[in-house]
């Protein structure tokens, strides 16, 4: 797996991803539209790594844009 970077041991990524997840979960609850934890984690990881989220289930992530 040459050319693949691993950030699993990077505490800065973990803190940032956790903060993104926490904020998205809070606002979804606040809007009265709670999201499944797995969808929220995927979106938070994409934000933390600054990578686009590609999915065929657009409806699952549509309200994260807000």
N, C-alpha and C. Protein backbone atom coordinates (compact mmCIF):
# COMPACT_ATOMS: atom_id res chain seq x y z
N UNK A 1 0.82 -1.18 0.00
CA UNK A 1 0.00 0.00 0.00
C UNK A 1 0.87 1.24 0.00
N UNK A 2 1.81 1.25 -0.88
CA UNK A 2 2.66 2.43 -0.97
C UNK A 2 1.85 3.61 -1.47
N UNK A 3 2.19 4.78 -0.99
CA UNK A 3 1.50 5.98 -1.39
C UNK A 3 0.23 6.26 -0.60
N UNK A 4 -0.08 5.41 0.38
CA UNK A 4 -1.26 5.62 1.21
C UNK A 4 -0.81 6.12 2.57
N UNK A 5 -1.31 7.27 2.95
CA UNK A 5 -0.94 7.86 4.24
C UNK A 5 -1.90 7.37 5.32
N UNK A 6 -1.35 7.04 6.46
CA UNK A 6 -2.17 6.63 7.59
C UNK A 6 -2.13 7.72 8.66
N UNK A 7 -3.28 8.11 9.13
CA UNK A 7 -3.34 9.12 10.19
C UNK A 7 -4.00 8.56 11.44
N UNK A 8 -4.11 7.24 11.51
CA UNK A 8 -4.80 6.62 12.63
C UNK A 8 -4.17 6.98 13.97
N UNK A 9 -2.86 7.21 14.01
CA UNK A 9 -2.19 7.50 15.27
C UNK A 9 -2.01 8.99 15.51
N UNK A 10 -2.56 9.81 14.65
CA UNK A 10 -2.39 11.26 14.77
C UNK A 10 -3.47 11.84 15.68
N UNK A 11 -3.13 12.23 16.91
CA UNK A 11 -4.14 12.75 17.83
C UNK A 11 -4.80 14.04 17.35
N UNK A 12 -4.12 14.83 16.55
CA UNK A 12 -4.71 16.07 16.04
C UNK A 12 -5.90 15.75 15.13
N UNK A 13 -5.74 14.74 14.26
CA UNK A 13 -6.85 14.35 13.40
C UNK A 13 -8.02 13.86 14.23
N UNK A 14 -7.74 13.05 15.25
CA UNK A 14 -8.81 12.50 16.07
C UNK A 14 -9.59 13.61 16.75
N UNK A 15 -8.90 14.58 17.30
CA UNK A 15 -9.58 15.69 17.98
C UNK A 15 -10.42 16.50 17.01
N UNK A 16 -9.87 16.77 15.83
CA UNK A 16 -10.60 17.55 14.83
C UNK A 16 -11.83 16.79 14.33
N UNK A 17 -11.66 15.51 14.04
CA UNK A 17 -12.78 14.70 13.58
C UNK A 17 -13.87 14.59 14.62
N UNK A 18 -13.46 14.43 15.87
CA UNK A 18 -14.42 14.33 16.97
C UNK A 18 -15.18 15.64 17.13
N UNK A 19 -14.49 16.76 17.00
CA UNK A 19 -15.14 18.07 17.11
C UNK A 19 -16.14 18.28 15.98
N UNK A 20 -15.75 17.91 14.76
CA UNK A 20 -16.67 18.02 13.61
C UNK A 20 -17.91 17.17 13.84
N UNK A 21 -17.71 15.92 14.29
CA UNK A 21 -18.82 15.01 14.53
C UNK A 21 -19.75 15.57 15.61
N UNK A 22 -19.16 16.06 16.67
CA UNK A 22 -19.95 16.60 17.78
C UNK A 22 -20.79 17.79 17.33
N UNK A 23 -20.19 18.68 16.58
CA UNK A 23 -20.90 19.87 16.11
C UNK A 23 -22.03 19.50 15.15
N UNK A 24 -21.75 18.60 14.21
CA UNK A 24 -22.78 18.19 13.26
C UNK A 24 -23.93 17.47 13.96
N UNK A 25 -23.61 16.64 14.94
CA UNK A 25 -24.65 15.93 15.69
C UNK A 25 -25.51 16.90 16.47
N UNK A 26 -24.87 17.88 17.11
CA UNK A 26 -25.61 18.87 17.89
C UNK A 26 -26.58 19.65 17.00
N UNK A 27 -26.10 20.16 15.88
CA UNK A 27 -26.96 20.98 15.02
C UNK A 27 -28.07 20.16 14.38
N UNK A 28 -27.80 18.90 14.07
CA UNK A 28 -28.86 18.05 13.51
C UNK A 28 -29.96 17.83 14.55
N UNK A 29 -29.57 17.57 15.79
CA UNK A 29 -30.55 17.42 16.87
C UNK A 29 -31.32 18.73 17.07
N UNK A 30 -30.59 19.83 17.06
CA UNK A 30 -31.19 21.15 17.28
C UNK A 30 -32.22 21.48 16.20
N UNK A 31 -31.96 21.06 14.96
CA UNK A 31 -32.90 21.29 13.86
C UNK A 31 -34.07 20.30 13.89
N UNK A 32 -33.99 19.32 14.79
CA UNK A 32 -35.03 18.30 14.85
C UNK A 32 -34.89 17.24 13.78
N UNK A 33 -33.66 17.13 13.22
CA UNK A 33 -33.39 16.15 12.18
C UNK A 33 -32.16 15.34 12.55
N UNK A 34 -32.24 14.52 13.61
CA UNK A 34 -31.06 13.74 14.01
C UNK A 34 -30.61 12.82 12.88
N UNK A 35 -29.31 12.67 12.74
CA UNK A 35 -28.74 11.86 11.68
C UNK A 35 -28.14 10.60 12.27
N UNK A 36 -28.10 9.49 11.53
CA UNK A 36 -27.45 8.27 12.02
C UNK A 36 -25.97 8.54 12.31
N UNK A 37 -25.46 7.92 13.36
CA UNK A 37 -24.07 8.15 13.75
C UNK A 37 -23.09 7.78 12.65
N UNK A 38 -23.36 6.70 11.91
CA UNK A 38 -22.42 6.31 10.87
C UNK A 38 -22.32 7.36 9.77
N UNK A 39 -23.45 7.95 9.37
CA UNK A 39 -23.41 9.00 8.35
C UNK A 39 -22.67 10.24 8.87
N UNK A 40 -22.89 10.55 10.13
CA UNK A 40 -22.24 11.72 10.73
C UNK A 40 -20.74 11.51 10.81
N UNK A 41 -20.30 10.30 11.18
CA UNK A 41 -18.86 10.02 11.26
C UNK A 41 -18.21 10.10 9.88
N UNK A 42 -18.87 9.58 8.87
CA UNK A 42 -18.31 9.64 7.51
C UNK A 42 -18.12 11.09 7.09
N UNK A 43 -19.14 11.92 7.31
CA UNK A 43 -19.05 13.33 6.95
C UNK A 43 -17.96 14.04 7.76
N UNK A 44 -17.86 13.73 9.05
CA UNK A 44 -16.84 14.36 9.90
C UNK A 44 -15.43 13.97 9.47
N UNK A 45 -15.23 12.72 9.10
CA UNK A 45 -13.91 12.28 8.63
C UNK A 45 -13.53 12.98 7.34
N UNK A 46 -14.49 13.15 6.44
CA UNK A 46 -14.21 13.86 5.19
C UNK A 46 -13.81 15.30 5.47
N UNK A 47 -14.47 15.95 6.41
CA UNK A 47 -14.09 17.32 6.79
C UNK A 47 -12.70 17.35 7.40
N UNK A 48 -12.42 16.43 8.31
CA UNK A 48 -11.12 16.41 9.00
C UNK A 48 -9.98 16.16 8.03
N UNK A 49 -10.20 15.28 7.04
CA UNK A 49 -9.15 14.98 6.06
C UNK A 49 -9.17 15.93 4.87
N UNK A 50 -10.19 16.80 4.83
CA UNK A 50 -10.36 17.74 3.73
C UNK A 50 -10.45 17.02 2.38
N UNK A 51 -11.30 15.99 2.35
CA UNK A 51 -11.53 15.23 1.12
C UNK A 51 -13.02 15.29 0.79
N UNK A 52 -13.37 15.18 -0.47
CA UNK A 52 -14.79 15.21 -0.83
C UNK A 52 -15.48 13.92 -0.40
N UNK A 53 -16.75 14.02 -0.16
CA UNK A 53 -17.56 12.86 0.19
C UNK A 53 -18.27 12.42 -1.08
N UNK A 54 -17.95 11.23 -1.55
CA UNK A 54 -18.59 10.69 -2.75
C UNK A 54 -19.51 9.56 -2.32
N UNK A 55 -20.77 9.64 -2.71
CA UNK A 55 -21.75 8.63 -2.31
C UNK A 55 -22.85 8.52 -3.35
N UNK A 56 -23.46 7.36 -3.39
CA UNK A 56 -24.65 7.17 -4.21
C UNK A 56 -25.90 7.45 -3.40
N UNK A 57 -25.74 7.62 -2.09
CA UNK A 57 -26.86 7.90 -1.19
C UNK A 57 -26.89 9.38 -0.83
N UNK A 58 -27.09 10.21 -1.82
CA UNK A 58 -27.06 11.67 -1.63
C UNK A 58 -28.06 12.10 -0.57
N UNK A 59 -29.21 11.46 -0.51
CA UNK A 59 -30.24 11.85 0.46
C UNK A 59 -29.76 11.70 1.90
N UNK A 60 -28.82 10.78 2.15
CA UNK A 60 -28.31 10.57 3.50
C UNK A 60 -27.42 11.71 3.97
N UNK A 61 -26.90 12.50 3.05
CA UNK A 61 -25.94 13.55 3.41
C UNK A 61 -26.41 14.95 3.03
N UNK A 62 -27.56 15.05 2.40
CA UNK A 62 -28.04 16.33 1.89
C UNK A 62 -28.11 17.41 2.98
N UNK A 63 -28.63 17.07 4.14
CA UNK A 63 -28.79 18.10 5.18
C UNK A 63 -27.49 18.44 5.90
N UNK A 64 -26.41 17.71 5.66
CA UNK A 64 -25.12 18.08 6.24
C UNK A 64 -24.55 19.34 5.57
N UNK A 65 -24.99 19.61 4.37
CA UNK A 65 -24.52 20.79 3.65
C UNK A 65 -24.93 22.05 4.39
N UNK A 66 -26.09 22.01 5.01
CA UNK A 66 -26.59 23.15 5.77
C UNK A 66 -25.71 23.33 6.98
